[in-house]
Amino acid sequence: MLRKVLNFVFGIFYYVPSSAVTELKNKNEDLLRAVKLLEEEVLALKDENSSVWEMIDEMNGSSKIKGENVRELLDDLKDALTDEMLKDFKAVGEA
């Protein structure tokens, strides 16, 4: 009871018991450690995120190349079929 009264009276003059200061310092250190761990995790997640975006860009780039290759393949196939059809074609008359 006396301690509460003294803490109240000293609190008017902004006195804080050393146990409260020590407790707040410990909490502060714990929070700083937690912030540091979270910052490291954020950096790791940013790195992973950039890697995923690079992989997505590579996949999109390779799918475009595949599309162009398919078009080229179809054009080559069309030319080859046209040549084969014309090779077996027999003229009906003289031009």
N, C-alpha and C. Protein backbone atom coordinates (compact mmCIF):
# COMPACT_ATOMS: atom_id res chain seq x y z
N MET A 1 0.82 -1.18 0.00
CA MET A 1 0.00 0.00 0.00
C MET A 1 0.87 1.26 0.00
N LEU A 2 1.89 1.22 0.83
CA LEU A 2 2.81 2.35 0.90
C LEU A 2 3.55 2.53 -0.43
N ARG A 3 3.89 1.40 -1.03
CA ARG A 3 4.59 1.45 -2.32
C ARG A 3 3.72 2.12 -3.38
N LYS A 4 2.43 1.79 -3.41
CA LYS A 4 1.51 2.40 -4.39
C LYS A 4 1.41 3.90 -4.17
N VAL A 5 1.34 4.31 -2.91
CA VAL A 5 1.24 5.73 -2.60
C VAL A 5 2.51 6.44 -3.02
N LEU A 6 3.65 5.84 -2.71
CA LEU A 6 4.93 6.46 -3.09
C LEU A 6 5.07 6.52 -4.62
N ASN A 7 4.68 5.45 -5.30
CA ASN A 7 4.75 5.47 -6.77
C ASN A 7 3.84 6.53 -7.35
N PHE A 8 2.67 6.71 -6.73
CA PHE A 8 1.77 7.75 -7.19
C PHE A 8 2.37 9.14 -6.98
N VAL A 9 2.91 9.36 -5.81
CA VAL A 9 3.50 10.66 -5.49
C VAL A 9 4.70 10.94 -6.38
N PHE A 10 5.57 9.94 -6.53
CA PHE A 10 6.74 10.13 -7.40
C PHE A 10 6.33 10.22 -8.87
N GLY A 11 5.22 9.56 -9.22
CA GLY A 11 4.73 9.64 -10.59
C GLY A 11 4.32 11.04 -10.97
N ILE A 12 3.89 11.81 -10.00
CA ILE A 12 3.53 13.21 -10.27
C ILE A 12 4.77 13.98 -10.74
N PHE A 13 5.92 13.59 -10.24
CA PHE A 13 7.18 14.24 -10.63
C PHE A 13 7.91 13.46 -11.74
N TYR A 14 7.16 12.60 -12.44
CA TYR A 14 7.68 11.79 -13.56
C TYR A 14 8.77 10.81 -13.15
N TYR A 15 8.69 10.34 -11.92
CA TYR A 15 9.62 9.31 -11.47
C TYR A 15 9.08 7.94 -11.89
N VAL A 16 9.96 7.12 -12.43
CA VAL A 16 9.57 5.78 -12.86
C VAL A 16 10.48 4.79 -12.13
N PRO A 17 9.91 3.76 -11.51
CA PRO A 17 10.74 2.78 -10.82
C PRO A 17 11.69 2.07 -11.78
N SER A 18 12.84 1.70 -11.27
CA SER A 18 13.86 1.06 -12.12
C SER A 18 13.37 -0.29 -12.66
N SER A 19 12.52 -0.98 -11.91
CA SER A 19 12.00 -2.26 -12.41
C SER A 19 11.15 -2.05 -13.66
N ALA A 20 10.38 -0.96 -13.69
CA ALA A 20 9.56 -0.66 -14.87
C ALA A 20 10.45 -0.30 -16.06
N VAL A 21 11.52 0.45 -15.79
CA VAL A 21 12.45 0.82 -16.86
C VAL A 21 13.12 -0.43 -17.42
N THR A 22 13.56 -1.32 -16.55
CA THR A 22 14.21 -2.56 -16.99
C THR A 22 13.24 -3.41 -17.81
N GLU A 23 12.00 -3.50 -17.33
CA GLU A 23 11.00 -4.27 -18.06
C GLU A 23 10.74 -3.70 -19.44
N LEU A 24 10.64 -2.38 -19.54
CA LEU A 24 10.42 -1.73 -20.84
C LEU A 24 11.63 -1.90 -21.76
N LYS A 25 12.84 -1.86 -21.19
CA LYS A 25 14.04 -2.08 -22.01
C LYS A 25 14.05 -3.50 -22.57
N ASN A 26 13.67 -4.48 -21.75
CA ASN A 26 13.62 -5.87 -22.22
C ASN A 26 12.58 -6.05 -23.32
N LYS A 27 11.43 -5.43 -23.12
CA LYS A 27 10.39 -5.51 -24.16
C LYS A 27 10.88 -4.85 -25.45
N ASN A 28 11.56 -3.72 -25.30
CA ASN A 28 12.08 -3.02 -26.47
C ASN A 28 13.08 -3.89 -27.22
N GLU A 29 13.98 -4.54 -26.50
CA GLU A 29 14.96 -5.42 -27.14
C GLU A 29 14.28 -6.59 -27.84
N ASP A 30 13.26 -7.16 -27.21
CA ASP A 30 12.51 -8.25 -27.84
C ASP A 30 11.84 -7.79 -29.13
N LEU A 31 11.25 -6.60 -29.06
CA LEU A 31 10.59 -6.06 -30.26
C LEU A 31 11.59 -5.76 -31.37
N LEU A 32 12.75 -5.24 -31.01
CA LEU A 32 13.78 -4.97 -32.02
C LEU A 32 14.26 -6.26 -32.68
N ARG A 33 14.41 -7.33 -31.87
CA ARG A 33 14.79 -8.63 -32.46
C ARG A 33 13.71 -9.13 -33.40
N ALA A 34 12.45 -8.96 -33.00
CA ALA A 34 11.35 -9.40 -33.84
C ALA A 34 11.31 -8.60 -35.15
N VAL A 35 11.56 -7.31 -35.06
CA VAL A 35 11.59 -6.46 -36.26
C VAL A 35 12.71 -6.91 -37.19
N LYS A 36 13.87 -7.20 -36.62
CA LYS A 36 15.01 -7.64 -37.44
C LYS A 36 14.69 -8.95 -38.16
N LEU A 37 14.08 -9.90 -37.44
CA LEU A 37 13.70 -11.17 -38.07
C LEU A 37 12.68 -10.96 -39.18
N LEU A 38 11.72 -10.08 -38.92
CA LEU A 38 10.70 -9.81 -39.95
C LEU A 38 11.29 -9.11 -41.16
N GLU A 39 12.25 -8.21 -40.93
CA GLU A 39 12.90 -7.55 -42.07
C GLU A 39 13.67 -8.56 -42.91
N GLU A 40 14.34 -9.51 -42.26
CA GLU A 40 15.05 -10.56 -43.00
C GLU A 40 14.07 -11.41 -43.79
N GLU A 41 12.93 -11.72 -43.19
CA GLU A 41 11.92 -12.51 -43.89
C GLU A 41 11.35 -11.74 -45.08
N VAL A 42 11.16 -10.45 -44.92
CA VAL A 42 10.66 -9.62 -46.02
C VAL A 42 11.66 -9.63 -47.17
N LEU A 43 12.95 -9.49 -46.86
CA LEU A 43 13.98 -9.52 -47.91
C LEU A 43 13.98 -10.87 -48.63
N ALA A 44 13.85 -11.95 -47.88
CA ALA A 44 13.82 -13.27 -48.50
C ALA A 44 12.59 -13.42 -49.39
N LEU A 45 11.45 -12.92 -48.93
CA LEU A 45 10.23 -13.02 -49.73
C LEU A 45 10.31 -12.13 -50.97
N LYS A 46 10.95 -10.96 -50.86
CA LYS A 46 11.12 -10.10 -52.04
C LYS A 46 12.00 -10.79 -53.07
N ASP A 47 13.07 -11.45 -52.60
CA ASP A 47 13.96 -12.18 -53.51
C ASP A 47 13.20 -13.32 -54.19
N GLU A 48 12.42 -14.05 -53.41
CA GLU A 48 11.63 -15.14 -53.98
C GLU A 48 10.60 -14.61 -54.97
N ASN A 49 9.98 -13.49 -54.63
CA ASN A 49 9.00 -12.87 -55.52
C ASN A 49 9.62 -12.47 -56.84
N SER A 50 10.79 -11.85 -56.80
CA SER A 50 11.45 -11.45 -58.04
C SER A 50 11.85 -12.67 -58.86
N SER A 51 12.26 -13.75 -58.20
CA SER A 51 12.60 -14.97 -58.91
C SER A 51 11.38 -15.55 -59.61
N VAL A 52 10.25 -15.52 -58.92
CA VAL A 52 9.01 -16.04 -59.53
C VAL A 52 8.62 -15.20 -60.74
N TRP A 53 8.72 -13.87 -60.61
CA TRP A 53 8.37 -13.02 -61.75
C TRP A 53 9.32 -13.24 -62.93
N GLU A 54 10.60 -13.44 -62.65
CA GLU A 54 11.54 -13.74 -63.73
C GLU A 54 11.18 -15.05 -64.40
N MET A 55 10.80 -16.06 -63.62
CA MET A 55 10.41 -17.34 -64.19
C MET A 55 9.14 -17.19 -65.04
N ILE A 56 8.19 -16.38 -64.57
CA ILE A 56 6.97 -16.15 -65.34
C ILE A 56 7.30 -15.45 -66.65
N ASP A 57 8.18 -14.45 -66.59
CA ASP A 57 8.59 -13.75 -67.81
C ASP A 57 9.27 -14.70 -68.79
N GLU A 58 10.12 -15.60 -68.27
CA GLU A 58 10.78 -16.58 -69.14
C GLU A 58 9.76 -17.52 -69.78
N MET A 59 8.78 -17.93 -68.98
CA MET A 59 7.76 -18.83 -69.52
C MET A 59 6.93 -18.13 -70.59
N ASN A 60 6.58 -16.87 -70.35
CA ASN A 60 5.83 -16.12 -71.35
C ASN A 60 6.67 -15.92 -72.61
N GLY A 61 7.95 -15.63 -72.43
CA GLY A 61 8.84 -15.46 -73.58
C GLY A 61 8.99 -16.74 -74.37
N SER A 62 9.11 -17.86 -73.69
CA SER A 62 9.28 -19.12 -74.40
C SER A 62 7.99 -19.54 -75.09
N SER A 63 6.83 -19.19 -74.52
CA SER A 63 5.58 -19.55 -75.18
C SER A 63 5.39 -18.72 -76.45
N LYS A 64 5.87 -17.47 -76.45
CA LYS A 64 5.79 -16.66 -77.67
C LYS A 64 6.69 -17.25 -78.74
N ILE A 65 7.87 -17.67 -78.34
CA ILE A 65 8.78 -18.28 -79.30
C ILE A 65 8.17 -19.55 -79.87
N LYS A 66 7.52 -20.33 -79.02
CA LYS A 66 6.88 -21.55 -79.49
C LYS A 66 5.80 -21.23 -80.51
N GLY A 67 5.04 -20.16 -80.27
CA GLY A 67 4.00 -19.75 -81.20
C GLY A 67 4.59 -19.36 -82.55
N GLU A 68 5.69 -18.63 -82.54
CA GLU A 68 6.35 -18.24 -83.78
C GLU A 68 6.91 -19.48 -84.48
N ASN A 69 7.47 -20.40 -83.73
CA ASN A 69 8.01 -21.62 -84.32
C ASN A 69 6.91 -22.45 -84.95
N VAL A 70 5.75 -22.49 -84.33
CA VAL A 70 4.63 -23.24 -84.90
C VAL A 70 4.20 -22.63 -86.22
N ARG A 71 4.13 -21.30 -86.27
CA ARG A 71 3.76 -20.64 -87.52
C ARG A 71 4.78 -20.94 -88.62
N GLU A 72 6.06 -20.86 -88.27
CA GLU A 72 7.10 -21.18 -89.25
C GLU A 72 7.01 -22.62 -89.71
N LEU A 73 6.74 -23.52 -88.79
CA LEU A 73 6.60 -24.94 -89.12
C LEU A 73 5.42 -25.15 -90.05
N LEU A 74 4.30 -24.48 -89.78
CA LEU A 74 3.12 -24.62 -90.64
C LEU A 74 3.38 -24.04 -92.03
N ASP A 75 4.09 -22.93 -92.09
CA ASP A 75 4.44 -22.36 -93.41
C ASP A 75 5.34 -23.32 -94.19
N ASP A 76 6.33 -23.90 -93.51
CA ASP A 76 7.21 -24.87 -94.18
C ASP A 76 6.43 -26.09 -94.65
N LEU A 77 5.52 -26.56 -93.82
CA LEU A 77 4.70 -27.72 -94.17
C LEU A 77 3.80 -27.40 -95.35
N LYS A 78 3.25 -26.21 -95.36
CA LYS A 78 2.40 -25.78 -96.48
C LYS A 78 3.21 -25.75 -97.78
N ASP A 79 4.41 -25.19 -97.72
CA ASP A 79 5.27 -25.15 -98.92
C ASP A 79 5.64 -26.55 -99.39
N ALA A 80 5.97 -27.44 -98.44
CA ALA A 80 6.34 -28.80 -98.80
C ALA A 80 5.17 -29.54 -99.42
N LEU A 81 3.98 -29.38 -98.86
CA LEU A 81 2.79 -30.04 -99.43
C LEU A 81 2.45 -29.48 -100.81
N THR A 82 2.60 -28.19 -100.96
CA THR A 82 2.35 -27.59 -102.28
C THR A 82 3.33 -28.15 -103.30
N ASP A 83 4.60 -28.24 -102.96
CA ASP A 83 5.60 -28.80 -103.87
C ASP A 83 5.29 -30.25 -104.21
N GLU A 84 4.89 -31.04 -103.22
CA GLU A 84 4.56 -32.45 -103.46
C GLU A 84 3.34 -32.58 -104.37
N MET A 85 2.35 -31.74 -104.14
CA MET A 85 1.14 -31.80 -104.96
C MET A 85 1.44 -31.40 -106.40
N LEU A 86 2.27 -30.37 -106.57
CA LEU A 86 2.61 -29.92 -107.92
C LEU A 86 3.54 -30.90 -108.63
N LYS A 87 4.33 -31.64 -107.88
CA LYS A 87 5.25 -32.61 -108.48
C LYS A 87 4.46 -33.75 -109.13
N ASP A 88 3.38 -34.18 -108.51
CA ASP A 88 2.57 -35.27 -109.05
C ASP A 88 1.52 -34.78 -110.03
N PHE A 89 1.41 -33.50 -110.21
CA PHE A 89 0.40 -32.95 -111.11
C PHE A 89 0.84 -33.14 -112.56
N LYS A 90 -0.08 -33.70 -113.37
CA LYS A 90 0.23 -33.92 -114.79
C LYS A 90 -0.53 -32.90 -115.63
N ALA A 91 0.20 -32.34 -116.58
CA ALA A 91 -0.40 -31.31 -117.43
C ALA A 91 -1.44 -31.95 -118.36
N VAL A 92 -2.53 -31.24 -118.56
CA VAL A 92 -3.58 -31.74 -119.43
C VAL A 92 -3.28 -31.36 -120.87
N GLY A 93 -2.73 -30.22 -121.05
CA GLY A 93 -2.41 -29.77 -122.40
C GLY A 93 -1.18 -28.90 -122.38
N GLU A 94 -0.88 -28.38 -123.59
CA GLU A 94 0.27 -27.51 -123.69
C GLU A 94 -0.17 -26.07 -123.49
N ALA A 95 0.70 -25.32 -122.88
CA ALA A 95 0.36 -23.92 -122.65
C ALA A 95 0.95 -23.05 -123.72
